[in-house]
Amino acid sequence: MRACTEDESLEAEQEAIYEALNNFDILGFSGGLLCVDDKCAAYTFGEMLNETTLVIHIEKAHMDYEGSYQAINNFFLKNCCMDAVYVNREQDLGLEGLRRAKESYKPIRMVKKSIICQKAI
């Protein structure tokens, strides 16, 4: 079990999730919640980037429920944003496990992310 309060990046991510949930309607998000025996097993949310592309911003699942990531992804794509032709699952953060998981969906293309900074003069 991961403790968000023990990892600074997870704590920041959790704060961003709370902010997104507090502004869910304003941001135009759609989402899904997967419950097992009245307990949250997984949740996800995203938005249409354009007419053809859905961006999934957050996908979280409880590790005690095997297959919960796959299930929430499947349910969300079948029930929300059905007009989406493409799904942008965002970056893998350089994490091997996350990269393998994203590759398991057989993407048509993966784009390397770059950060460009202006050098101070």
PDB file of N, CA and C in Angstrom:
ATOM      1  N   MET A   1       0.840  -1.181   0.000  1.00  0.00           N
ATOM      2  CA  MET A   1       0.000   0.000   0.000  1.00  0.00           C
ATOM      3  C   MET A   1       0.884   1.242   0.000  1.00  0.00           C
ATOM      4  N   ARG A   2       0.560   2.174  -0.861  1.00  0.00           N
ATOM      5  CA  ARG A   2       1.358   3.395  -0.951  1.00  0.00           C
ATOM      6  C   ARG A   2       0.771   4.458  -0.037  1.00  0.00           C
ATOM      7  N   ALA A   3       1.618   5.104   0.688  1.00  0.00           N
ATOM      8  CA  ALA A   3       1.175   6.184   1.574  1.00  0.00           C
ATOM      9  C   ALA A   3       1.559   7.513   0.936  1.00  0.00           C
ATOM     10  N   CYS A   4       0.555   8.246   0.498  1.00  0.00           N
ATOM     11  CA  CYS A   4       0.803   9.514  -0.190  1.00  0.00           C
ATOM     12  C   CYS A   4       1.541  10.515   0.678  1.00  0.00           C
ATOM     13  N   THR A   5       1.345  10.438   1.986  1.00  0.00           N
ATOM     14  CA  THR A   5       1.982  11.409   2.874  1.00  0.00           C
ATOM     15  C   THR A   5       3.467  11.131   3.058  1.00  0.00           C
ATOM     16  N   GLU A   6       3.941   9.948   2.640  1.00  0.00           N
ATOM     17  CA  GLU A   6       5.354   9.604   2.794  1.00  0.00           C
ATOM     18  C   GLU A   6       6.162   9.882   1.531  1.00  0.00           C
ATOM     19  N   ASP A   7       5.521  10.246   0.452  1.00  0.00           N
ATOM     20  CA  ASP A   7       6.195  10.505  -0.814  1.00  0.00           C
ATOM     21  C   ASP A   7       5.726  11.864  -1.328  1.00  0.00           C
ATOM     22  N   GLU A   8       6.660  12.791  -1.452  1.00  0.00           N
ATOM     23  CA  GLU A   8       6.324  14.163  -1.829  1.00  0.00           C
ATOM     24  C   GLU A   8       5.616  14.237  -3.184  1.00  0.00           C
ATOM     25  N   SER A   9       6.069  13.442  -4.166  1.00  0.00           N
ATOM     26  CA  SER A   9       5.441  13.493  -5.487  1.00  0.00           C
ATOM     27  C   SER A   9       4.035  12.906  -5.452  1.00  0.00           C
ATOM     28  N   LEU A  10       3.818  11.851  -4.649  1.00  0.00           N
ATOM     29  CA  LEU A  10       2.474  11.290  -4.524  1.00  0.00           C
ATOM     30  C   LEU A  10       1.550  12.246  -3.786  1.00  0.00           C
ATOM     31  N   GLU A  11       2.096  12.950  -2.817  1.00  0.00           N
ATOM     32  CA  GLU A  11       1.296  13.932  -2.088  1.00  0.00           C
ATOM     33  C   GLU A  11       0.871  15.074  -3.014  1.00  0.00           C
ATOM     34  N   ALA A  12       1.786  15.537  -3.860  1.00  0.00           N
ATOM     35  CA  ALA A  12       1.464  16.593  -4.826  1.00  0.00           C
ATOM     36  C   ALA A  12       0.432  16.096  -5.836  1.00  0.00           C
ATOM     37  N   GLU A  13       0.582  14.852  -6.265  1.00  0.00           N
ATOM     38  CA  GLU A  13      -0.388  14.274  -7.195  1.00  0.00           C
ATOM     39  C   GLU A  13      -1.770  14.214  -6.549  1.00  0.00           C
ATOM     40  N   GLN A  14      -1.833  13.804  -5.295  1.00  0.00           N
ATOM     41  CA  GLN A  14      -3.113  13.720  -4.597  1.00  0.00           C
ATOM     42  C   GLN A  14      -3.764  15.090  -4.483  1.00  0.00           C
ATOM     43  N   GLU A  15      -2.977  16.111  -4.207  1.00  0.00           N
ATOM     44  CA  GLU A  15      -3.517  17.477  -4.143  1.00  0.00           C
ATOM     45  C   GLU A  15      -4.074  17.901  -5.492  1.00  0.00           C
ATOM     46  N   ALA A  16      -3.387  17.551  -6.579  1.00  0.00           N
ATOM     47  CA  ALA A  16      -3.862  17.878  -7.925  1.00  0.00           C
ATOM     48  C   ALA A  16      -5.164  17.144  -8.238  1.00  0.00           C
ATOM     49  N   ILE A  17      -5.271  15.895  -7.792  1.00  0.00           N
ATOM     50  CA  ILE A  17      -6.500  15.129  -8.001  1.00  0.00           C
ATOM     51  C   ILE A  17      -7.663  15.790  -7.264  1.00  0.00           C
ATOM     52  N   TYR A  18      -7.455  16.181  -6.004  1.00  0.00           N
ATOM     53  CA  TYR A  18      -8.507  16.864  -5.239  1.00  0.00           C
ATOM     54  C   TYR A  18      -8.936  18.149  -5.948  1.00  0.00           C
ATOM     55  N   GLU A  19      -7.969  18.904  -6.440  1.00  0.00           N
ATOM     56  CA  GLU A  19      -8.277  20.153  -7.147  1.00  0.00           C
ATOM     57  C   GLU A  19      -9.100  19.872  -8.402  1.00  0.00           C
ATOM     58  N   ALA A  20      -8.712  18.845  -9.149  1.00  0.00           N
ATOM     59  CA  ALA A  20      -9.456  18.475 -10.362  1.00  0.00           C
ATOM     60  C   ALA A  20     -10.873  18.030 -10.009  1.00  0.00           C
ATOM     61  N   LEU A  21     -11.020  17.223  -8.965  1.00  0.00           N
ATOM     62  CA  LEU A  21     -12.351  16.761  -8.569  1.00  0.00           C
ATOM     63  C   LEU A  21     -13.224  17.910  -8.085  1.00  0.00           C
ATOM     64  N   ASN A  22     -12.634  18.869  -7.393  1.00  0.00           N
ATOM     65  CA  ASN A  22     -13.389  20.034  -6.922  1.00  0.00           C
ATOM     66  C   ASN A  22     -13.849  20.919  -8.072  1.00  0.00           C
ATOM     67  N   ASN A  23     -13.200  20.808  -9.230  1.00  0.00           N
ATOM     68  CA  ASN A  23     -13.543  21.626 -10.401  1.00  0.00           C
ATOM     69  C   ASN A  23     -13.961  20.763 -11.591  1.00  0.00           C
ATOM     70  N   PHE A  24     -14.441  19.575 -11.309  1.00  0.00           N
ATOM     71  CA  PHE A  24     -14.766  18.559 -12.313  1.00  0.00           C
ATOM     72  C   PHE A  24     -15.657  19.110 -13.428  1.00  0.00           C
ATOM     73  N   ASP A  25     -16.778  19.725 -13.068  1.00  0.00           N
ATOM     74  CA  ASP A  25     -17.720  20.240 -14.064  1.00  0.00           C
ATOM     75  C   ASP A  25     -17.141  21.416 -14.841  1.00  0.00           C
ATOM     76  N   ILE A  26     -16.486  22.319 -14.142  1.00  0.00           N
ATOM     77  CA  ILE A  26     -15.897  23.494 -14.789  1.00  0.00           C
ATOM     78  C   ILE A  26     -14.868  23.069 -15.829  1.00  0.00           C
ATOM     79  N   LEU A  27     -14.105  22.020 -15.516  1.00  0.00           N
ATOM     80  CA  LEU A  27     -13.072  21.527 -16.426  1.00  0.00           C
ATOM     81  C   LEU A  27     -13.635  20.668 -17.553  1.00  0.00           C
ATOM     82  N   GLY A  28     -14.906  20.311 -17.460  1.00  0.00           N
ATOM     83  CA  GLY A  28     -15.533  19.513 -18.512  1.00  0.00           C
ATOM     84  C   GLY A  28     -15.101  18.060 -18.519  1.00  0.00           C
ATOM     85  N   PHE A  29     -14.755  17.532 -17.362  1.00  0.00           N
ATOM     86  CA  PHE A  29     -14.303  16.151 -17.266  1.00  0.00           C
ATOM     87  C   PHE A  29     -15.476  15.176 -17.301  1.00  0.00           C
ATOM     88  N   SER A  30     -15.168  13.963 -17.716  1.00  0.00           N
ATOM     89  CA  SER A  30     -16.051  12.802 -17.573  1.00  0.00           C
ATOM     90  C   SER A  30     -15.256  11.801 -16.759  1.00  0.00           C
ATOM     91  N   GLY A  31     -15.962  10.948 -16.043  1.00  0.00           N
ATOM     92  CA  GLY A  31     -15.225  10.004 -15.220  1.00  0.00           C
ATOM     93  C   GLY A  31     -15.995   8.744 -14.938  1.00  0.00           C
ATOM     94  N   GLY A  32     -15.318   7.842 -14.266  1.00  0.00           N
ATOM     95  CA  GLY A  32     -15.929   6.583 -13.892  1.00  0.00           C
ATOM     96  C   GLY A  32     -15.405   6.108 -12.559  1.00  0.00           C
ATOM     97  N   LEU A  33     -16.249   5.342 -11.872  1.00  0.00           N
ATOM     98  CA  LEU A  33     -15.918   4.796 -10.569  1.00  0.00           C
ATOM     99  C   LEU A  33     -16.314   3.327 -10.580  1.00  0.00           C
ATOM    100  N   LEU A  34     -15.400   2.470 -10.198  1.00  0.00           N
ATOM    101  CA  LEU A  34     -15.648   1.031 -10.135  1.00  0.00           C
ATOM    102  C   LEU A  34     -15.700   0.619  -8.675  1.00  0.00           C
ATOM    103  N   CYS A  35     -16.837   0.065  -8.264  1.00  0.00           N
ATOM    104  CA  CYS A  35     -17.006  -0.361  -6.875  1.00  0.00           C
ATOM    105  C   CYS A  35     -17.158  -1.870  -6.804  1.00  0.00           C
ATOM    106  N   VAL A  36     -16.574  -2.460  -5.781  1.00  0.00           N
ATOM    107  CA  VAL A  36     -16.689  -3.880  -5.499  1.00  0.00           C
ATOM    108  C   VAL A  36     -17.108  -3.999  -4.036  1.00  0.00           C
ATOM    109  N   ASP A  37     -18.248  -4.656  -3.797  1.00  0.00           N
ATOM    110  CA  ASP A  37     -18.755  -4.806  -2.427  1.00  0.00           C
ATOM    111  C   ASP A  37     -18.811  -3.466  -1.696  1.00  0.00           C
ATOM    112  N   ASP A  38     -19.342  -2.456  -2.360  1.00  0.00           N
ATOM    113  CA  ASP A  38     -19.507  -1.109  -1.804  1.00  0.00           C
ATOM    114  C   ASP A  38     -18.190  -0.414  -1.453  1.00  0.00           C
ATOM    115  N   LYS A  39     -17.081  -0.889  -2.025  1.00  0.00           N
ATOM    116  CA  LYS A  39     -15.784  -0.245  -1.817  1.00  0.00           C
ATOM    117  C   LYS A  39     -15.248   0.212  -3.165  1.00  0.00           C
ATOM    118  N   CYS A  40     -14.584   1.360  -3.161  1.00  0.00           N
ATOM    119  CA  CYS A  40     -13.990   1.874  -4.399  1.00  0.00           C
ATOM    120  C   CYS A  40     -12.790   1.021  -4.783  1.00  0.00           C
ATOM    121  N   ALA A  41     -12.868   0.407  -5.957  1.00  0.00           N
ATOM    122  CA  ALA A  41     -11.758  -0.398  -6.459  1.00  0.00           C
ATOM    123  C   ALA A  41     -10.914   0.394  -7.447  1.00  0.00           C
ATOM    124  N   ALA A  42     -11.544   1.345  -8.163  1.00  0.00           N
ATOM    125  CA  ALA A  42     -10.809   2.131  -9.156  1.00  0.00           C
ATOM    126  C   ALA A  42     -11.633   3.351  -9.557  1.00  0.00           C
ATOM    127  N   TYR A  43     -10.933   4.366 -10.061  1.00  0.00           N
ATOM    128  CA  TYR A  43     -11.610   5.521 -10.636  1.00  0.00           C
ATOM    129  C   TYR A  43     -10.737   6.106 -11.738  1.00  0.00           C
ATOM    130  N   THR A  44     -11.370   6.851 -12.613  1.00  0.00           N
ATOM    131  CA  THR A  44     -10.658   7.491 -13.708  1.00  0.00           C
ATOM    132  C   THR A  44     -11.415   8.730 -14.140  1.00  0.00           C
ATOM    133  N   PHE A  45     -10.719   9.674 -14.757  1.00  0.00           N
ATOM    134  CA  PHE A  45     -11.393  10.788 -15.397  1.00  0.00           C
ATOM    135  C   PHE A  45     -10.515  11.389 -16.476  1.00  0.00           C
ATOM    136  N   GLY A  46     -11.197  12.040 -17.405  1.00  0.00           N
ATOM    137  CA  GLY A  46     -10.508  12.663 -18.524  1.00  0.00           C
ATOM    138  C   GLY A  46     -11.444  13.601 -19.246  1.00  0.00           C
ATOM    139  N   GLU A  47     -11.014  14.004 -20.434  1.00  0.00           N
ATOM    140  CA  GLU A  47     -11.813  14.943 -21.226  1.00  0.00           C
ATOM    141  C   GLU A  47     -11.475  14.783 -22.693  1.00  0.00           C
ATOM    142  N   MET A  48     -12.394  15.237 -23.529  1.00  0.00           N
ATOM    143  CA  MET A  48     -12.129  15.242 -24.960  1.00  0.00           C
ATOM    144  C   MET A  48     -11.173  16.400 -25.258  1.00  0.00           C
ATOM    145  N   LEU A  49     -10.049  16.082 -25.869  1.00  0.00           N
ATOM    146  CA  LEU A  49      -9.063  17.081 -26.265  1.00  0.00           C
ATOM    147  C   LEU A  49      -9.541  17.827 -27.503  1.00  0.00           C
ATOM    148  N   ASN A  50     -10.128  17.066 -28.416  1.00  0.00           N
ATOM    149  CA  ASN A  50     -10.703  17.608 -29.646  1.00  0.00           C
ATOM    150  C   ASN A  50     -11.812  16.653 -30.076  1.00  0.00           C
ATOM    151  N   GLU A  51     -12.267  16.731 -31.299  1.00  0.00           N
ATOM    152  CA  GLU A  51     -13.396  15.904 -31.741  1.00  0.00           C
ATOM    153  C   GLU A  51     -13.088  14.410 -31.750  1.00  0.00           C
ATOM    154  N   THR A  52     -11.819  14.038 -31.830  1.00  0.00           N
ATOM    155  CA  THR A  52     -11.482  12.622 -31.977  1.00  0.00           C
ATOM    156  C   THR A  52     -10.657  12.035 -30.835  1.00  0.00           C
ATOM    157  N   THR A  53     -10.095  12.871 -29.971  1.00  0.00           N
ATOM    158  CA  THR A  53      -9.131  12.374 -28.992  1.00  0.00           C
ATOM    159  C   THR A  53      -9.562  12.613 -27.551  1.00  0.00           C
ATOM    160  N   LEU A  54      -9.626  11.517 -26.801  1.00  0.00           N
ATOM    161  CA  LEU A  54      -9.889  11.556 -25.370  1.00  0.00           C
ATOM    162  C   LEU A  54      -8.552  11.539 -24.637  1.00  0.00           C
ATOM    163  N   VAL A  55      -8.402  12.404 -23.654  1.00  0.00           N
ATOM    164  CA  VAL A  55      -7.211  12.403 -22.802  1.00  0.00           C
ATOM    165  C   VAL A  55      -7.631  11.886 -21.430  1.00  0.00           C
ATOM    166  N   ILE A  56      -7.000  10.801 -21.005  1.00  0.00           N
ATOM    167  CA  ILE A  56      -7.256  10.277 -19.669  1.00  0.00           C
ATOM    168  C   ILE A  56      -6.222  10.900 -18.744  1.00  0.00           C
ATOM    169  N   HIS A  57      -6.706  11.739 -17.839  1.00  0.00           N
ATOM    170  CA  HIS A  57      -5.804  12.446 -16.928  1.00  0.00           C
ATOM    171  C   HIS A  57      -5.418  11.594 -15.725  1.00  0.00           C
ATOM    172  N   ILE A  58      -6.379  10.883 -15.191  1.00  0.00           N
ATOM    173  CA  ILE A  58      -6.133  10.109 -13.976  1.00  0.00           C
ATOM    174  C   ILE A  58      -6.786   8.741 -14.110  1.00  0.00           C
ATOM    175  N   GLU A  59      -6.037   7.735 -13.686  1.00  0.00           N
ATOM    176  CA  GLU A  59      -6.565   6.377 -13.604  1.00  0.00           C
ATOM    177  C   GLU A  59      -5.905   5.748 -12.383  1.00  0.00           C
ATOM    178  N   LYS A  60      -6.704   5.453 -11.382  1.00  0.00           N
ATOM    179  CA  LYS A  60      -6.189   4.894 -10.130  1.00  0.00           C
ATOM    180  C   LYS A  60      -6.985   3.649  -9.779  1.00  0.00           C
ATOM    181  N   ALA A  61      -6.299   2.664  -9.237  1.00  0.00           N
ATOM    182  CA  ALA A  61      -6.971   1.434  -8.844  1.00  0.00           C
ATOM    183  C   ALA A  61      -6.318   0.870  -7.593  1.00  0.00           C
ATOM    184  N   HIS A  62      -7.113   0.191  -6.813  1.00  0.00           N
ATOM    185  CA  HIS A  62      -6.632  -0.443  -5.595  1.00  0.00           C
ATOM    186  C   HIS A  62      -5.964  -1.753  -5.974  1.00  0.00           C
ATOM    187  N   MET A  63      -4.751  -1.951  -5.528  1.00  0.00           N
ATOM    188  CA  MET A  63      -3.970  -3.135  -5.901  1.00  0.00           C
ATOM    189  C   MET A  63      -4.565  -4.439  -5.352  1.00  0.00           C
ATOM    190  N   ASP A  64      -5.451  -4.346  -4.359  1.00  0.00           N
ATOM    191  CA  ASP A  64      -6.077  -5.548  -3.811  1.00  0.00           C
ATOM    192  C   ASP A  64      -7.086  -6.170  -4.779  1.00  0.00           C
ATOM    193  N   TYR A  65      -7.502  -5.407  -5.786  1.00  0.00           N
ATOM    194  CA  TYR A  65      -8.474  -5.896  -6.760  1.00  0.00           C
ATOM    195  C   TYR A  65      -7.770  -6.136  -8.088  1.00  0.00           C
ATOM    196  N   GLU A  66      -7.341  -7.366  -8.293  1.00  0.00           N
ATOM    197  CA  GLU A  66      -6.611  -7.717  -9.514  1.00  0.00           C
ATOM    198  C   GLU A  66      -7.472  -7.422 -10.742  1.00  0.00           C
ATOM    199  N   GLY A  67      -6.866  -6.773 -11.720  1.00  0.00           N
ATOM    200  CA  GLY A  67      -7.568  -6.440 -12.958  1.00  0.00           C
ATOM    201  C   GLY A  67      -8.378  -5.166 -12.884  1.00  0.00           C
ATOM    202  N   SER A  68      -8.287  -4.441 -11.759  1.00  0.00           N
ATOM    203  CA  SER A  68      -9.114  -3.245 -11.602  1.00  0.00           C
ATOM    204  C   SER A  68      -8.705  -2.119 -12.551  1.00  0.00           C
ATOM    205  N   TYR A  69      -7.410  -2.011 -12.868  1.00  0.00           N
ATOM    206  CA  TYR A  69      -6.995  -0.990 -13.840  1.00  0.00           C
ATOM    207  C   TYR A  69      -7.604  -1.290 -15.201  1.00  0.00           C
ATOM    208  N   GLN A  70      -7.512  -2.534 -15.622  1.00  0.00           N
ATOM    209  CA  GLN A  70      -8.065  -2.920 -16.912  1.00  0.00           C
ATOM    210  C   GLN A  70      -9.587  -2.743 -16.935  1.00  0.00           C
ATOM    211  N   ALA A  71     -10.230  -3.098 -15.833  1.00  0.00           N
ATOM    212  CA  ALA A  71     -11.689  -2.999 -15.768  1.00  0.00           C
ATOM    213  C   ALA A  71     -12.156  -1.548 -15.843  1.00  0.00           C
ATOM    214  N   ILE A  72     -11.553  -0.643 -15.068  1.00  0.00           N
ATOM    215  CA  ILE A  72     -11.997   0.752 -15.093  1.00  0.00           C
ATOM    216  C   ILE A  72     -11.736   1.362 -16.458  1.00  0.00           C
ATOM    217  N   ASN A  73     -10.620   1.005 -17.076  1.00  0.00           N
ATOM    218  CA  ASN A  73     -10.320   1.506 -18.414  1.00  0.00           C
ATOM    219  C   ASN A  73     -11.383   1.028 -19.406  1.00  0.00           C
ATOM    220  N   ASN A  74     -11.700  -0.256 -19.358  1.00  0.00           N
ATOM    221  CA  ASN A  74     -12.690  -0.838 -20.260  1.00  0.00           C
ATOM    222  C   ASN A  74     -14.063  -0.198 -20.058  1.00  0.00           C
ATOM    223  N   PHE A  75     -14.530  -0.114 -18.822  1.00  0.00           N
ATOM    224  CA  PHE A  75     -15.840   0.463 -18.543  1.00  0.00           C
ATOM    225  C   PHE A  75     -15.918   1.922 -18.962  1.00  0.00           C
ATOM    226  N   PHE A  76     -14.867   2.671 -18.663  1.00  0.00           N
ATOM    227  CA  PHE A  76     -14.867   4.100 -18.988  1.00  0.00           C
ATOM    228  C   PHE A  76     -14.937   4.319 -20.495  1.00  0.00           C
ATOM    229  N   LEU A  77     -14.116   3.598 -21.238  1.00  0.00           N
ATOM    230  CA  LEU A  77     -14.098   3.793 -22.685  1.00  0.00           C
ATOM    231  C   LEU A  77     -15.386   3.318 -23.354  1.00  0.00           C
ATOM    232  N   LYS A  78     -16.039   2.341 -22.781  1.00  0.00           N
ATOM    233  CA  LYS A  78     -17.292   1.843 -23.362  1.00  0.00           C
ATOM    234  C   LYS A  78     -18.496   2.700 -22.983  1.00  0.00           C
ATOM    235  N   ASN A  79     -18.393   3.483 -21.911  1.00  0.00           N
ATOM    236  CA  ASN A  79     -19.551   4.221 -21.412  1.00  0.00           C
ATOM    237  C   ASN A  79     -19.407   5.737 -21.423  1.00  0.00           C
ATOM    238  N   CYS A  80     -18.227   6.244 -21.601  1.00  0.00           N
ATOM    239  CA  CYS A  80     -18.002   7.693 -21.642  1.00  0.00           C
ATOM    240  C   CYS A  80     -17.206   8.029 -22.904  1.00  0.00           C
ATOM    241  N   CYS A  81     -17.435   9.187 -23.435  1.00  0.00           N
ATOM    242  CA  CYS A  81     -16.629   9.656 -24.575  1.00  0.00           C
ATOM    243  C   CYS A  81     -16.584   8.628 -25.701  1.00  0.00           C
ATOM    244  N   MET A  82     -17.731   8.063 -26.017  1.00  0.00           N
ATOM    245  CA  MET A  82     -17.797   7.002 -27.024  1.00  0.00           C
ATOM    246  C   MET A  82     -17.456   7.491 -28.429  1.00  0.00           C
ATOM    247  N   ASP A  83     -17.436   8.801 -28.640  1.00  0.00           N
ATOM    248  CA  ASP A  83     -17.072   9.345 -29.945  1.00  0.00           C
ATOM    249  C   ASP A  83     -15.560   9.381 -30.148  1.00  0.00           C
ATOM    250  N   ALA A  84     -14.804   9.084 -29.121  1.00  0.00           N
ATOM    251  CA  ALA A  84     -13.342   9.145 -29.218  1.00  0.00           C
ATOM    252  C   ALA A  84     -12.827   8.067 -30.168  1.00  0.00           C
ATOM    253  N   VAL A  85     -11.966   8.501 -31.067  1.00  0.00           N
ATOM    254  CA  VAL A  85     -11.292   7.587 -31.988  1.00  0.00           C
ATOM    255  C   VAL A  85      -9.940   7.200 -31.390  1.00  0.00           C
ATOM    256  N   TYR A  86      -9.317   8.167 -30.725  1.00  0.00           N
ATOM    257  CA  TYR A  86      -7.995   7.982 -30.127  1.00  0.00           C
ATOM    258  C   TYR A  86      -8.070   8.240 -28.623  1.00  0.00           C
ATOM    259  N   VAL A  87      -7.185   7.573 -27.889  1.00  0.00           N
ATOM    260  CA  VAL A  87      -7.088   7.778 -26.446  1.00  0.00           C
ATOM    261  C   VAL A  87      -5.648   8.131 -26.115  1.00  0.00           C
ATOM    262  N   ASN A  88      -5.466   9.300 -25.531  1.00  0.00           N
ATOM    263  CA  ASN A  88      -4.159   9.753 -25.068  1.00  0.00           C
ATOM    264  C   ASN A  88      -4.084   9.406 -23.589  1.00  0.00           C
ATOM    265  N   ARG A  89      -3.196   8.482 -23.252  1.00  0.00           N
ATOM    266  CA  ARG A  89      -3.079   8.022 -21.876  1.00  0.00           C
ATOM    267  C   ARG A  89      -2.007   8.802 -21.107  1.00  0.00           C
ATOM    268  N   GLU A  90      -1.561   9.895 -21.676  1.00  0.00           N
ATOM    269  CA  GLU A  90      -0.558  10.774 -21.085  1.00  0.00           C
ATOM    270  C   GLU A  90       0.773  10.061 -20.864  1.00  0.00           C
ATOM    271  N   GLN A  91       1.658  10.682 -20.137  1.00  0.00           N
ATOM    272  CA  GLN A  91       3.038  10.214 -20.037  1.00  0.00           C
ATOM    273  C   GLN A  91       3.225   9.060 -19.064  1.00  0.00           C
ATOM    274  N   ASP A  92       4.311   8.328 -19.265  1.00  0.00           N
ATOM    275  CA  ASP A  92       4.613   7.195 -18.383  1.00  0.00           C
ATOM    276  C   ASP A  92       5.614   7.563 -17.287  1.00  0.00           C
ATOM    277  N   LEU A  93       6.011   8.833 -17.254  1.00  0.00           N
ATOM    278  CA  LEU A  93       6.906   9.360 -16.220  1.00  0.00           C
ATOM    279  C   LEU A  93       8.257   8.653 -16.164  1.00  0.00           C
ATOM    280  N   GLY A  94       8.592   7.908 -17.220  1.00  0.00           N
ATOM    281  CA  GLY A  94       9.853   7.174 -17.234  1.00  0.00           C
ATOM    282  C   GLY A  94       9.844   5.926 -16.377  1.00  0.00           C
ATOM    283  N   LEU A  95       8.667   5.532 -15.893  1.00  0.00           N
ATOM    284  CA  LEU A  95       8.543   4.350 -15.040  1.00  0.00           C
ATOM    285  C   LEU A  95       8.318   3.113 -15.911  1.00  0.00           C
ATOM    286  N   GLU A  96       9.195   2.138 -15.784  1.00  0.00           N
ATOM    287  CA  GLU A  96       9.147   0.953 -16.635  1.00  0.00           C
ATOM    288  C   GLU A  96       7.811   0.217 -16.544  1.00  0.00           C
ATOM    289  N   GLY A  97       7.296   0.011 -15.343  1.00  0.00           N
ATOM    290  CA  GLY A  97       6.025  -0.690 -15.167  1.00  0.00           C
ATOM    291  C   GLY A  97       4.863   0.041 -15.821  1.00  0.00           C
ATOM    292  N   LEU A  98       4.839   1.361 -15.669  1.00  0.00           N
ATOM    293  CA  LEU A  98       3.789   2.168 -16.279  1.00  0.00           C
ATOM    294  C   LEU A  98       3.922   2.147 -17.797  1.00  0.00           C
ATOM    295  N   ARG A  99       5.142   2.194 -18.287  1.00  0.00           N
ATOM    296  CA  ARG A  99       5.368   2.130 -19.739  1.00  0.00           C
ATOM    297  C   ARG A  99       4.857   0.793 -20.296  1.00  0.00           C
ATOM    298  N   ARG A 100       5.189  -0.307 -19.620  1.00  0.00           N
ATOM    299  CA  ARG A 100       4.722  -1.631 -20.078  1.00  0.00           C
ATOM    300  C   ARG A 100       3.201  -1.700 -20.078  1.00  0.00           C
ATOM    301  N   ALA A 101       2.580  -1.152 -19.044  1.00  0.00           N
ATOM    302  CA  ALA A 101       1.121  -1.161 -18.964  1.00  0.00           C
ATOM    303  C   ALA A 101       0.517  -0.388 -20.134  1.00  0.00           C
ATOM    304  N   LYS A 102       1.079   0.763 -20.435  1.00  0.00           N
ATOM    305  CA  LYS A 102       0.561   1.569 -21.547  1.00  0.00           C
ATOM    306  C   LYS A 102       0.808   0.883 -22.879  1.00  0.00           C
ATOM    307  N   GLU A 103       1.957   0.231 -23.017  1.00  0.00           N
ATOM    308  CA  GLU A 103       2.251  -0.488 -24.260  1.00  0.00           C
ATOM    309  C   GLU A 103       1.342  -1.692 -24.443  1.00  0.00           C
ATOM    310  N   SER A 104       0.808  -2.249 -23.352  1.00  0.00           N
ATOM    311  CA  SER A 104      -0.069  -3.420 -23.450  1.00  0.00           C
ATOM    312  C   SER A 104      -1.379  -3.093 -24.167  1.00  0.00           C
ATOM    313  N   TYR A 105      -1.716  -1.806 -24.261  1.00  0.00           N
ATOM    314  CA  TYR A 105      -2.919  -1.384 -24.973  1.00  0.00           C
ATOM    315  C   TYR A 105      -2.661  -1.228 -26.476  1.00  0.00           C
ATOM    316  N   LYS A 106      -1.466  -1.564 -26.918  1.00  0.00           N
ATOM    317  CA  LYS A 106      -1.087  -1.542 -28.336  1.00  0.00           C
ATOM    318  C   LYS A 106      -1.304  -0.158 -28.972  1.00  0.00           C
ATOM    319  N   PRO A 107      -0.601   0.842 -28.463  1.00  0.00           N
ATOM    320  CA  PRO A 107      -0.782   2.193 -29.015  1.00  0.00           C
ATOM    321  C   PRO A 107      -0.328   2.275 -30.471  1.00  0.00           C
ATOM    322  N   ILE A 108      -1.011   3.126 -31.227  1.00  0.00           N
ATOM    323  CA  ILE A 108      -0.595   3.313 -32.617  1.00  0.00           C
ATOM    324  C   ILE A 108       0.640   4.191 -32.695  1.00  0.00           C
ATOM    325  N   ARG A 109       0.861   4.968 -31.641  1.00  0.00           N
ATOM    326  CA  ARG A 109       2.030   5.848 -31.612  1.00  0.00           C
ATOM    327  C   ARG A 109       2.283   6.295 -30.185  1.00  0.00           C
ATOM    328  N   MET A 110       3.558   6.403 -29.855  1.00  0.00           N
ATOM    329  CA  MET A 110       3.952   6.994 -28.581  1.00  0.00           C
ATOM    330  C   MET A 110       4.863   8.168 -28.917  1.00  0.00           C
ATOM    331  N   VAL A 111       4.649   9.259 -28.226  1.00  0.00           N
ATOM    332  CA  VAL A 111       5.400  10.477 -28.495  1.00  0.00           C
ATOM    333  C   VAL A 111       6.324  10.751 -27.324  1.00  0.00           C
ATOM    334  N   LYS A 112       7.588  10.986 -27.629  1.00  0.00           N
ATOM    335  CA  LYS A 112       8.544  11.332 -26.581  1.00  0.00           C
ATOM    336  C   LYS A 112       8.292  12.768 -26.139  1.00  0.00           C
ATOM    337  N   LYS A 113       8.152  12.943 -24.851  1.00  0.00           N
ATOM    338  CA  LYS A 113       7.904  14.266 -24.302  1.00  0.00           C
ATOM    339  C   LYS A 113       9.231  14.995 -24.117  1.00  0.00           C
ATOM    340  N   SER A 114       9.220  16.280 -24.450  1.00  0.00           N
ATOM    341  CA  SER A 114      10.388  17.134 -24.267  1.00  0.00           C
ATOM    342  C   SER A 114       9.961  18.382 -23.512  1.00  0.00           C
ATOM    343  N   ILE A 115      10.864  18.907 -22.753  1.00  0.00           N
ATOM    344  CA  ILE A 115      10.596  20.158 -22.057  1.00  0.00           C
ATOM    345  C   ILE A 115      11.596  21.185 -22.586  1.00  0.00           C
ATOM    346  N   ILE A 116      11.082  22.304 -23.028  1.00  0.00           N
ATOM    347  CA  ILE A 116      11.922  23.365 -23.579  1.00  0.00           C
ATOM    348  C   ILE A 116      11.892  24.539 -22.601  1.00  0.00           C
ATOM    349  N   CYS A 117      13.052  24.987 -22.220  1.00  0.00           N
ATOM    350  CA  CYS A 117      13.159  26.125 -21.301  1.00  0.00           C
ATOM    351  C   CYS A 117      13.954  27.227 -21.980  1.00  0.00           C
ATOM    352  N   GLN A 118      13.518  28.438 -21.746  1.00  0.00           N
ATOM    353  CA  GLN A 118      14.251  29.585 -22.262  1.00  0.00           C
ATOM    354  C   GLN A 118      15.390  29.907 -21.311  1.00  0.00           C
ATOM    355  N   LYS A 119      16.561  30.012 -21.862  1.00  0.00           N
ATOM    356  CA  LYS A 119      17.730  30.307 -21.058  1.00  0.00           C
ATOM    357  C   LYS A 119      17.739  31.779 -20.685  1.00  0.00           C
ATOM    358  N   ALA A 120      18.011  32.057 -19.428  1.00  0.00           N
ATOM    359  CA  ALA A 120      18.072  33.447 -18.971  1.00  0.00           C
ATOM    360  C   ALA A 120      19.246  34.155 -19.643  1.00  0.00           C
ATOM    361  N   ILE A 121      19.007  35.372 -20.051  1.00  0.00           N
ATOM    362  CA  ILE A 121      20.056  36.141 -20.735  1.00  0.00           C
ATOM    363  C   ILE A 121      20.738  37.062 -19.759  1.00  0.00           C
TER     364      ILE A 121
END
